[in-house]
């Protein structure tokens, strides 16, 4: 599939069929994440592929009761949990070298977007899930010190594609030379 088409068509999916995801497709998706760039090639991201229904149930309970992705954790055959090592990305000798601090969230965002785009390429749905009790999720998953859970996503086949959400016009988001100077008139 064409990358730009995937970028424009991808949607957040919150209802899944329980059809299994073939291992070879799952490996392709994880390889896409592995190929993501990272600060100074630090490769801080790790992934936990959760298939166990009991663990998925526990992770669902780490989400707030109003999080619309709760049911998706049980419906989808897989939940991918992304974990990142702190203190390496954007750091030199353990100290951040930019005013943005530890860069692990930036690297994690790129890698997770590789996952969701690769999944869409194979006809699989995902949804970025970042609102959850991180301490609870880390305990459930046995995350060691020095690492933080960043995001989770259900992964699976779906029947209905949600309608696109509105996007701000480019002329409101892109400027020429300085902030606020129109690039597009």
N, C-alpha and C. Protein backbone atom coordinates (compact mmCIF):
# COMPACT_ATOMS: atom_id res chain seq x y z
N UNK A 1 0.84 -1.18 0.00
CA UNK A 1 0.00 0.00 0.00
C UNK A 1 0.89 1.25 0.00
N UNK A 2 0.41 2.30 -0.55
CA UNK A 2 1.13 3.57 -0.63
C UNK A 2 1.18 4.24 0.74
N UNK A 3 2.38 4.68 1.17
CA UNK A 3 2.56 5.26 2.49
C UNK A 3 1.66 6.46 2.74
N UNK A 4 1.58 7.38 1.79
CA UNK A 4 0.74 8.57 1.99
C UNK A 4 -0.73 8.19 2.11
N UNK A 5 -1.14 7.19 1.37
CA UNK A 5 -2.52 6.70 1.48
C UNK A 5 -2.76 6.14 2.89
N UNK A 6 -1.83 5.36 3.40
CA UNK A 6 -1.95 4.81 4.75
C UNK A 6 -2.04 5.94 5.77
N UNK A 7 -1.17 6.94 5.65
CA UNK A 7 -1.17 8.06 6.59
C UNK A 7 -2.53 8.75 6.61
N UNK A 8 -3.10 8.97 5.43
CA UNK A 8 -4.37 9.69 5.35
C UNK A 8 -5.58 8.83 5.73
N UNK A 9 -5.49 7.53 5.53
CA UNK A 9 -6.65 6.65 5.79
C UNK A 9 -6.67 6.07 7.20
N UNK A 10 -5.53 5.97 7.87
CA UNK A 10 -5.47 5.32 9.18
C UNK A 10 -6.41 6.00 10.16
N UNK A 11 -7.10 5.18 10.93
CA UNK A 11 -8.03 5.68 11.94
C UNK A 11 -7.78 4.94 13.26
N UNK A 12 -8.23 5.53 14.34
CA UNK A 12 -8.19 4.88 15.65
C UNK A 12 -9.34 3.88 15.71
N UNK A 13 -9.00 2.64 15.99
CA UNK A 13 -9.99 1.56 16.03
C UNK A 13 -10.19 1.15 17.48
N UNK A 14 -11.45 1.05 17.87
CA UNK A 14 -11.76 0.66 19.25
C UNK A 14 -12.68 -0.56 19.34
N UNK A 15 -13.03 -1.15 18.19
CA UNK A 15 -13.83 -2.38 18.16
C UNK A 15 -13.12 -3.38 17.25
N UNK A 16 -12.90 -4.58 17.79
CA UNK A 16 -12.10 -5.58 17.08
C UNK A 16 -12.82 -6.92 16.99
N UNK A 17 -12.47 -7.64 15.93
CA UNK A 17 -12.83 -9.05 15.85
C UNK A 17 -11.76 -9.82 16.61
N UNK A 18 -12.07 -11.03 17.00
CA UNK A 18 -11.10 -11.82 17.76
C UNK A 18 -10.26 -12.73 16.87
N UNK A 19 -10.33 -12.53 15.56
CA UNK A 19 -9.51 -13.31 14.63
C UNK A 19 -8.04 -13.17 14.99
N UNK A 20 -7.30 -14.27 15.00
CA UNK A 20 -5.87 -14.16 15.34
C UNK A 20 -5.08 -13.40 14.28
N UNK A 21 -4.04 -12.75 14.72
CA UNK A 21 -3.11 -12.06 13.81
C UNK A 21 -1.98 -13.03 13.50
N UNK A 22 -1.75 -13.33 12.22
CA UNK A 22 -0.66 -14.25 11.88
C UNK A 22 0.68 -13.75 12.41
N UNK A 23 1.47 -14.68 12.94
CA UNK A 23 2.77 -14.32 13.53
C UNK A 23 3.67 -13.59 12.55
N UNK A 24 3.66 -13.99 11.27
CA UNK A 24 4.54 -13.34 10.30
C UNK A 24 4.16 -11.87 10.10
N UNK A 25 2.87 -11.55 10.20
CA UNK A 25 2.44 -10.16 10.10
C UNK A 25 2.84 -9.40 11.37
N UNK A 26 2.65 -10.02 12.52
CA UNK A 26 3.06 -9.39 13.77
C UNK A 26 4.55 -9.08 13.75
N UNK A 27 5.36 -10.02 13.26
CA UNK A 27 6.81 -9.78 13.17
C UNK A 27 7.12 -8.62 12.23
N UNK A 28 6.42 -8.52 11.12
CA UNK A 28 6.63 -7.40 10.18
C UNK A 28 6.33 -6.06 10.87
N UNK A 29 5.26 -6.02 11.65
CA UNK A 29 4.88 -4.80 12.36
C UNK A 29 5.94 -4.44 13.40
N UNK A 30 6.41 -5.43 14.13
CA UNK A 30 7.45 -5.18 15.14
C UNK A 30 8.78 -4.78 14.48
N UNK A 31 9.06 -5.34 13.32
CA UNK A 31 10.26 -4.93 12.57
C UNK A 31 10.16 -3.47 12.14
N UNK A 32 8.96 -3.03 11.80
CA UNK A 32 8.77 -1.62 11.44
C UNK A 32 9.11 -0.73 12.62
N UNK A 33 8.72 -1.15 13.82
CA UNK A 33 9.06 -0.37 15.03
C UNK A 33 10.57 -0.37 15.25
N UNK A 34 11.18 -1.53 15.07
CA UNK A 34 12.63 -1.65 15.26
C UNK A 34 13.39 -0.75 14.30
N UNK A 35 12.83 -0.49 13.13
CA UNK A 35 13.47 0.34 12.11
C UNK A 35 13.34 1.83 12.39
N UNK A 36 12.56 2.20 13.39
CA UNK A 36 12.35 3.62 13.68
C UNK A 36 13.65 4.28 14.12
N UNK A 37 13.86 5.53 13.72
CA UNK A 37 15.06 6.24 14.17
C UNK A 37 14.97 6.58 15.65
N UNK A 38 16.12 6.77 16.26
CA UNK A 38 16.17 7.21 17.66
C UNK A 38 17.40 8.10 17.84
N UNK A 39 17.36 8.91 18.87
CA UNK A 39 18.46 9.84 19.16
C UNK A 39 19.76 9.05 19.27
N UNK A 40 20.73 9.41 18.47
CA UNK A 40 22.06 8.79 18.48
C UNK A 40 21.99 7.26 18.45
N UNK A 41 20.94 6.75 17.79
CA UNK A 41 20.73 5.31 17.65
C UNK A 41 20.67 4.60 19.01
N UNK A 42 20.10 5.26 20.01
CA UNK A 42 20.04 4.68 21.34
C UNK A 42 19.04 3.53 21.44
N UNK A 43 18.07 3.47 20.54
CA UNK A 43 17.12 2.36 20.48
C UNK A 43 16.55 2.03 21.87
N UNK A 44 15.92 3.02 22.49
CA UNK A 44 15.46 2.88 23.87
C UNK A 44 14.15 2.10 24.01
N UNK A 45 13.45 1.84 22.93
CA UNK A 45 12.13 1.21 23.02
C UNK A 45 12.19 -0.30 23.11
N UNK A 46 11.28 -0.84 23.92
CA UNK A 46 11.06 -2.29 24.04
C UNK A 46 9.56 -2.52 23.93
N UNK A 47 9.17 -3.74 23.58
CA UNK A 47 7.76 -4.04 23.35
C UNK A 47 7.38 -5.33 24.06
N UNK A 48 6.22 -5.32 24.65
CA UNK A 48 5.67 -6.52 25.26
C UNK A 48 4.40 -6.84 24.49
N UNK A 49 4.36 -8.02 23.88
CA UNK A 49 3.20 -8.48 23.13
C UNK A 49 2.34 -9.29 24.10
N UNK A 50 1.17 -8.76 24.41
CA UNK A 50 0.30 -9.40 25.39
C UNK A 50 -0.84 -10.12 24.66
N UNK A 51 -0.90 -11.43 24.87
CA UNK A 51 -1.97 -12.25 24.31
C UNK A 51 -2.81 -12.89 25.41
N UNK A 52 -2.26 -13.02 26.59
CA UNK A 52 -2.92 -13.67 27.72
C UNK A 52 -4.16 -12.87 28.14
N UNK A 53 -5.36 -13.48 28.07
CA UNK A 53 -6.59 -12.75 28.43
C UNK A 53 -6.58 -12.19 29.85
N UNK A 54 -5.96 -12.88 30.79
CA UNK A 54 -5.92 -12.38 32.17
C UNK A 54 -5.06 -11.13 32.29
N UNK A 55 -3.96 -11.10 31.58
CA UNK A 55 -3.10 -9.90 31.61
C UNK A 55 -3.79 -8.75 30.89
N UNK A 56 -4.45 -9.04 29.78
CA UNK A 56 -5.20 -7.99 29.08
C UNK A 56 -6.30 -7.42 29.97
N UNK A 57 -6.96 -8.27 30.73
CA UNK A 57 -7.99 -7.82 31.67
C UNK A 57 -7.38 -6.90 32.73
N UNK A 58 -6.23 -7.27 33.25
CA UNK A 58 -5.55 -6.43 34.25
C UNK A 58 -5.15 -5.09 33.64
N UNK A 59 -4.63 -5.11 32.40
CA UNK A 59 -4.24 -3.86 31.74
C UNK A 59 -5.45 -2.98 31.48
N UNK A 60 -6.57 -3.60 31.11
CA UNK A 60 -7.81 -2.84 30.92
C UNK A 60 -8.15 -2.09 32.19
N UNK A 61 -7.94 -2.73 33.34
CA UNK A 61 -8.26 -2.09 34.61
C UNK A 61 -7.26 -0.99 34.99
N UNK A 62 -6.15 -0.89 34.27
CA UNK A 62 -5.21 0.22 34.48
C UNK A 62 -5.69 1.49 33.76
N UNK A 63 -6.65 1.32 32.84
CA UNK A 63 -7.24 2.46 32.14
C UNK A 63 -8.36 3.03 33.01
N UNK A 64 -8.62 4.31 32.87
CA UNK A 64 -9.71 4.91 33.63
C UNK A 64 -11.04 4.30 33.18
N UNK A 65 -12.04 4.30 34.04
CA UNK A 65 -13.34 3.71 33.69
C UNK A 65 -14.00 4.35 32.48
N UNK A 66 -13.63 5.58 32.16
CA UNK A 66 -14.24 6.26 31.02
C UNK A 66 -13.40 6.18 29.74
N UNK A 67 -12.25 5.51 29.79
CA UNK A 67 -11.39 5.41 28.60
C UNK A 67 -12.10 4.55 27.55
N UNK A 68 -12.35 5.09 26.34
CA UNK A 68 -13.08 4.32 25.33
C UNK A 68 -12.33 3.10 24.78
N UNK A 69 -11.08 2.93 25.13
CA UNK A 69 -10.30 1.78 24.64
C UNK A 69 -10.40 0.56 25.56
N UNK A 70 -11.08 0.67 26.68
CA UNK A 70 -11.13 -0.43 27.65
C UNK A 70 -11.60 -1.74 27.01
N UNK A 71 -12.74 -1.72 26.34
CA UNK A 71 -13.27 -2.95 25.75
C UNK A 71 -12.35 -3.50 24.66
N UNK A 72 -11.66 -2.59 23.96
CA UNK A 72 -10.76 -3.01 22.89
C UNK A 72 -9.63 -3.90 23.41
N UNK A 73 -9.21 -3.69 24.65
CA UNK A 73 -8.14 -4.51 25.22
C UNK A 73 -8.56 -5.97 25.34
N UNK A 74 -9.87 -6.20 25.53
CA UNK A 74 -10.36 -7.56 25.64
C UNK A 74 -10.76 -8.14 24.29
N UNK A 75 -11.26 -7.31 23.39
CA UNK A 75 -11.69 -7.77 22.07
C UNK A 75 -10.51 -8.15 21.18
N UNK A 76 -9.51 -7.28 21.11
CA UNK A 76 -8.38 -7.50 20.20
C UNK A 76 -7.57 -8.71 20.66
N UNK A 77 -7.04 -9.48 19.73
CA UNK A 77 -6.25 -10.64 20.12
C UNK A 77 -4.90 -10.29 20.75
N UNK A 78 -4.44 -9.06 20.53
CA UNK A 78 -3.12 -8.64 21.00
C UNK A 78 -3.20 -7.23 21.56
N UNK A 79 -2.44 -6.98 22.62
CA UNK A 79 -2.17 -5.62 23.08
C UNK A 79 -0.65 -5.47 23.07
N UNK A 80 -0.17 -4.46 22.36
CA UNK A 80 1.26 -4.17 22.34
C UNK A 80 1.53 -3.06 23.34
N UNK A 81 2.44 -3.34 24.27
CA UNK A 81 2.82 -2.36 25.29
C UNK A 81 4.23 -1.88 24.97
N UNK A 82 4.38 -0.58 24.88
CA UNK A 82 5.68 0.00 24.56
C UNK A 82 6.32 0.55 25.83
N UNK A 83 7.56 0.17 26.02
CA UNK A 83 8.34 0.56 27.19
C UNK A 83 9.61 1.24 26.66
N UNK A 84 10.09 2.26 27.36
CA UNK A 84 11.32 2.93 26.93
C UNK A 84 12.28 3.09 28.09
N UNK A 85 13.55 2.94 27.77
CA UNK A 85 14.60 3.13 28.77
C UNK A 85 14.85 4.62 28.94
N UNK A 86 14.89 5.07 30.17
CA UNK A 86 15.12 6.48 30.47
C UNK A 86 16.61 6.78 30.59
N UNK A 87 16.96 8.05 30.36
CA UNK A 87 18.31 8.53 30.62
C UNK A 87 19.33 8.27 29.53
N UNK A 88 18.91 7.80 28.36
CA UNK A 88 19.85 7.57 27.25
C UNK A 88 19.59 8.51 26.08
N UNK A 89 18.34 8.55 25.64
CA UNK A 89 17.99 9.33 24.46
C UNK A 89 18.01 10.82 24.81
N UNK A 90 18.74 11.58 24.04
CA UNK A 90 18.84 13.02 24.31
C UNK A 90 19.72 13.36 25.47
N UNK A 91 20.54 12.39 25.89
CA UNK A 91 21.38 12.60 27.07
C UNK A 91 22.85 12.32 26.74
N UNK A 92 23.70 12.96 27.49
CA UNK A 92 25.13 12.69 27.43
C UNK A 92 25.60 12.48 28.86
N UNK A 93 26.19 11.35 29.12
CA UNK A 93 26.61 10.98 30.48
C UNK A 93 25.46 11.08 31.46
N UNK A 94 24.26 10.67 30.99
CA UNK A 94 23.08 10.63 31.86
C UNK A 94 22.37 11.95 32.04
N UNK A 95 22.87 13.03 31.44
CA UNK A 95 22.25 14.34 31.59
C UNK A 95 21.64 14.80 30.26
N UNK A 96 20.41 15.33 30.29
CA UNK A 96 19.80 15.82 29.05
C UNK A 96 20.64 16.93 28.42
N UNK A 97 20.71 16.92 27.09
CA UNK A 97 21.50 17.93 26.38
C UNK A 97 20.63 18.96 25.67
N UNK A 98 19.29 18.87 25.83
CA UNK A 98 18.40 19.89 25.28
C UNK A 98 17.49 20.38 26.40
N UNK A 99 16.79 21.46 26.14
CA UNK A 99 15.84 21.97 27.13
C UNK A 99 14.55 21.15 27.15
N UNK A 100 14.49 20.10 26.35
CA UNK A 100 13.32 19.22 26.33
C UNK A 100 13.47 18.06 27.31
N UNK A 101 14.62 17.92 27.91
CA UNK A 101 14.84 16.82 28.86
C UNK A 101 15.11 15.51 28.15
N UNK A 102 14.83 14.43 28.84
CA UNK A 102 15.01 13.09 28.29
C UNK A 102 14.17 12.96 27.02
N UNK A 103 14.77 12.48 25.95
CA UNK A 103 14.17 12.45 24.63
C UNK A 103 13.39 11.15 24.38
N UNK A 104 13.28 10.26 25.39
CA UNK A 104 12.69 8.94 25.16
C UNK A 104 11.26 9.01 24.65
N UNK A 105 10.49 10.00 25.07
CA UNK A 105 9.10 10.09 24.61
C UNK A 105 9.04 10.39 23.10
N UNK A 106 9.97 11.18 22.63
CA UNK A 106 10.01 11.50 21.20
C UNK A 106 10.32 10.23 20.40
N UNK A 107 11.36 9.52 20.83
CA UNK A 107 11.73 8.28 20.14
C UNK A 107 10.59 7.26 20.19
N UNK A 108 9.92 7.17 21.34
CA UNK A 108 8.82 6.23 21.49
C UNK A 108 7.66 6.59 20.57
N UNK A 109 7.38 7.88 20.43
CA UNK A 109 6.29 8.31 19.55
C UNK A 109 6.55 7.92 18.10
N UNK A 110 7.78 8.11 17.66
CA UNK A 110 8.12 7.73 16.28
C UNK A 110 7.93 6.22 16.10
N UNK A 111 8.46 5.44 17.02
CA UNK A 111 8.38 3.98 16.90
C UNK A 111 6.94 3.49 16.95
N UNK A 112 6.12 4.07 17.82
CA UNK A 112 4.73 3.63 17.90
C UNK A 112 3.96 4.01 16.65
N UNK A 113 4.29 5.14 16.07
CA UNK A 113 3.62 5.50 14.82
C UNK A 113 4.02 4.54 13.71
N UNK A 114 5.25 4.06 13.71
CA UNK A 114 5.64 3.01 12.76
C UNK A 114 4.75 1.78 12.94
N UNK A 115 4.46 1.42 14.20
CA UNK A 115 3.60 0.26 14.47
C UNK A 115 2.20 0.48 13.90
N UNK A 116 1.59 1.62 14.20
CA UNK A 116 0.21 1.81 13.77
C UNK A 116 0.10 1.93 12.25
N UNK A 117 1.08 2.52 11.61
CA UNK A 117 1.05 2.61 10.14
C UNK A 117 1.30 1.25 9.49
N UNK A 118 2.24 0.49 10.03
CA UNK A 118 2.49 -0.85 9.50
C UNK A 118 1.27 -1.74 9.71
N UNK A 119 0.63 -1.63 10.86
CA UNK A 119 -0.58 -2.42 11.13
C UNK A 119 -1.66 -2.11 10.10
N UNK A 120 -1.88 -0.83 9.84
CA UNK A 120 -2.90 -0.43 8.86
C UNK A 120 -2.58 -1.02 7.49
N UNK A 121 -1.32 -1.05 7.15
CA UNK A 121 -0.88 -1.62 5.88
C UNK A 121 -1.37 -3.06 5.72
N UNK A 122 -1.45 -3.80 6.83
CA UNK A 122 -1.88 -5.20 6.81
C UNK A 122 -3.38 -5.35 7.11
N UNK A 123 -4.11 -4.24 7.14
CA UNK A 123 -5.54 -4.32 7.40
C UNK A 123 -5.88 -4.48 8.87
N UNK A 124 -4.94 -4.12 9.74
CA UNK A 124 -5.13 -4.24 11.18
C UNK A 124 -5.34 -2.86 11.80
N UNK A 125 -6.14 -2.84 12.85
CA UNK A 125 -6.41 -1.60 13.54
C UNK A 125 -5.62 -1.47 14.83
N UNK A 126 -5.47 -0.24 15.26
CA UNK A 126 -4.79 0.12 16.50
C UNK A 126 -5.45 1.38 17.03
N UNK A 127 -5.11 1.74 18.25
CA UNK A 127 -5.47 3.05 18.78
C UNK A 127 -4.39 3.41 19.80
N UNK A 128 -3.87 4.61 19.70
CA UNK A 128 -2.87 5.08 20.67
C UNK A 128 -3.54 5.21 22.04
N UNK A 129 -3.04 4.50 23.03
CA UNK A 129 -3.58 4.57 24.39
C UNK A 129 -2.46 5.07 25.31
N UNK A 130 -2.63 6.28 25.80
CA UNK A 130 -1.62 6.87 26.67
C UNK A 130 -2.16 7.28 28.02
N UNK A 131 -3.48 7.26 28.18
CA UNK A 131 -4.10 7.66 29.44
C UNK A 131 -4.39 6.41 30.26
N UNK A 132 -3.49 6.13 31.21
CA UNK A 132 -3.64 4.96 32.07
C UNK A 132 -2.77 5.13 33.30
N UNK A 133 -3.00 4.30 34.28
CA UNK A 133 -2.21 4.30 35.51
C UNK A 133 -0.89 3.58 35.20
N UNK A 134 0.15 4.35 34.93
CA UNK A 134 1.43 3.78 34.51
C UNK A 134 2.03 2.89 35.58
N UNK A 135 1.96 3.29 36.84
CA UNK A 135 2.52 2.45 37.92
C UNK A 135 1.85 1.09 37.95
N UNK A 136 0.54 1.08 37.81
CA UNK A 136 -0.21 -0.18 37.82
C UNK A 136 0.18 -1.04 36.62
N UNK A 137 0.24 -0.44 35.43
CA UNK A 137 0.61 -1.19 34.23
C UNK A 137 2.04 -1.73 34.33
N UNK A 138 2.95 -0.93 34.86
CA UNK A 138 4.34 -1.37 35.01
C UNK A 138 4.45 -2.55 35.97
N UNK A 139 3.65 -2.53 37.03
CA UNK A 139 3.65 -3.64 37.98
C UNK A 139 3.10 -4.91 37.32
N UNK A 140 2.00 -4.78 36.59
CA UNK A 140 1.40 -5.92 35.90
C UNK A 140 2.40 -6.56 34.94
N UNK A 141 3.15 -5.72 34.23
CA UNK A 141 4.06 -6.19 33.17
C UNK A 141 5.47 -6.48 33.67
N UNK A 142 5.75 -6.21 34.93
CA UNK A 142 7.08 -6.49 35.48
C UNK A 142 8.16 -5.60 34.90
N UNK A 143 7.85 -4.34 34.67
CA UNK A 143 8.80 -3.40 34.08
C UNK A 143 9.90 -3.08 35.10
N UNK A 144 11.17 -3.23 34.71
CA UNK A 144 12.27 -2.98 35.66
C UNK A 144 12.55 -1.48 35.84
N UNK A 145 13.28 -1.18 36.90
CA UNK A 145 13.73 0.18 37.18
C UNK A 145 14.53 0.70 35.97
N UNK A 146 14.39 1.98 35.70
CA UNK A 146 15.11 2.60 34.59
C UNK A 146 14.30 2.60 33.29
N UNK A 147 13.14 1.95 33.30
CA UNK A 147 12.26 1.90 32.14
C UNK A 147 10.90 2.47 32.53
N UNK A 148 10.20 3.04 31.55
CA UNK A 148 8.84 3.54 31.76
C UNK A 148 7.93 3.02 30.67
N UNK A 149 6.72 2.64 31.05
CA UNK A 149 5.74 2.30 30.02
C UNK A 149 5.28 3.62 29.41
N UNK A 150 5.24 3.66 28.09
CA UNK A 150 4.90 4.89 27.39
C UNK A 150 3.49 4.82 26.82
N UNK A 151 3.19 3.70 26.16
CA UNK A 151 1.94 3.62 25.44
C UNK A 151 1.54 2.17 25.29
N UNK A 152 0.25 1.96 25.03
CA UNK A 152 -0.27 0.64 24.73
C UNK A 152 -1.21 0.77 23.55
N UNK A 153 -1.34 -0.31 22.78
CA UNK A 153 -2.34 -0.33 21.71
C UNK A 153 -2.89 -1.73 21.52
N UNK A 154 -4.22 -1.83 21.42
CA UNK A 154 -4.76 -3.10 20.96
C UNK A 154 -4.40 -3.26 19.49
N UNK A 155 -4.33 -4.50 19.03
CA UNK A 155 -3.98 -4.78 17.64
C UNK A 155 -4.85 -5.91 17.15
N UNK A 156 -5.56 -5.67 16.07
CA UNK A 156 -6.40 -6.73 15.53
C UNK A 156 -7.18 -6.28 14.31
N UNK A 157 -7.94 -7.24 13.77
CA UNK A 157 -8.79 -6.97 12.61
C UNK A 157 -10.07 -6.28 13.07
N UNK A 158 -10.66 -5.50 12.19
CA UNK A 158 -11.86 -4.73 12.51
C UNK A 158 -12.81 -4.77 11.33
N UNK A 159 -14.07 -4.45 11.57
CA UNK A 159 -15.08 -4.45 10.51
C UNK A 159 -15.41 -3.05 10.00
N UNK A 160 -15.55 -2.11 10.91
CA UNK A 160 -15.97 -0.77 10.54
C UNK A 160 -14.83 0.23 10.71
N UNK A 161 -14.61 1.03 9.68
CA UNK A 161 -13.61 2.09 9.75
C UNK A 161 -14.30 3.38 10.17
N UNK A 162 -13.88 3.98 11.26
CA UNK A 162 -14.49 5.26 11.67
C UNK A 162 -14.30 6.33 10.61
N UNK A 163 -15.20 7.30 10.63
CA UNK A 163 -15.09 8.43 9.71
C UNK A 163 -13.87 9.26 10.08
N UNK A 164 -13.30 9.97 9.11
CA UNK A 164 -12.16 10.83 9.43
C UNK A 164 -12.56 11.96 10.37
N UNK A 165 -11.62 12.35 11.20
CA UNK A 165 -11.86 13.49 12.09
C UNK A 165 -11.34 14.74 11.38
N UNK A 166 -11.96 15.89 11.65
CA UNK A 166 -11.53 17.11 10.96
C UNK A 166 -10.09 17.49 11.34
N UNK A 167 -9.40 18.06 10.39
CA UNK A 167 -8.04 18.54 10.60
C UNK A 167 -7.98 20.02 10.29
N UNK A 168 -7.14 20.72 11.04
CA UNK A 168 -6.91 22.15 10.83
C UNK A 168 -6.32 22.34 9.43
N UNK A 169 -6.76 23.37 8.70
CA UNK A 169 -6.17 23.63 7.38
C UNK A 169 -4.68 23.96 7.49
N UNK A 170 -3.91 23.59 6.47
CA UNK A 170 -2.47 23.86 6.46
C UNK A 170 -2.16 25.34 6.69
N UNK A 171 -2.99 26.21 6.14
CA UNK A 171 -2.69 27.65 6.28
C UNK A 171 -2.72 28.10 7.73
N UNK A 172 -3.36 27.32 8.62
CA UNK A 172 -3.36 27.64 10.05
C UNK A 172 -2.22 26.98 10.80
N UNK A 173 -1.48 26.10 10.14
CA UNK A 173 -0.44 25.33 10.82
C UNK A 173 0.96 25.53 10.28
N UNK A 174 1.06 26.07 9.07
CA UNK A 174 2.37 26.20 8.42
C UNK A 174 2.66 27.67 8.18
N UNK A 175 3.86 28.10 8.63
CA UNK A 175 4.25 29.50 8.50
C UNK A 175 5.53 29.61 7.69
N UNK A 176 5.81 30.81 7.21
CA UNK A 176 7.00 31.07 6.41
C UNK A 176 7.98 31.94 7.19
N UNK A 177 9.13 31.45 7.40
CA UNK A 177 10.24 32.16 8.02
C UNK A 177 10.08 32.45 9.52
N UNK A 178 8.92 32.94 9.93
CA UNK A 178 8.68 33.22 11.35
C UNK A 178 7.27 32.76 11.71
N UNK A 179 7.05 32.49 13.00
CA UNK A 179 5.75 32.04 13.47
C UNK A 179 4.69 33.11 13.16
N UNK A 180 3.60 32.68 12.54
CA UNK A 180 2.49 33.58 12.26
C UNK A 180 2.49 34.17 10.86
N UNK A 181 3.62 34.18 10.18
CA UNK A 181 3.68 34.72 8.82
C UNK A 181 3.14 33.65 7.88
N UNK A 182 2.07 33.93 7.14
CA UNK A 182 1.44 32.91 6.30
C UNK A 182 2.40 32.31 5.27
N UNK A 183 2.37 30.99 5.20
CA UNK A 183 3.09 30.26 4.16
C UNK A 183 2.15 30.07 2.97
N UNK A 184 0.89 29.82 3.30
CA UNK A 184 -0.15 29.59 2.30
C UNK A 184 -1.15 30.72 2.46
N UNK A 185 -1.47 31.37 1.34
CA UNK A 185 -2.45 32.47 1.41
C UNK A 185 -3.74 32.08 0.76
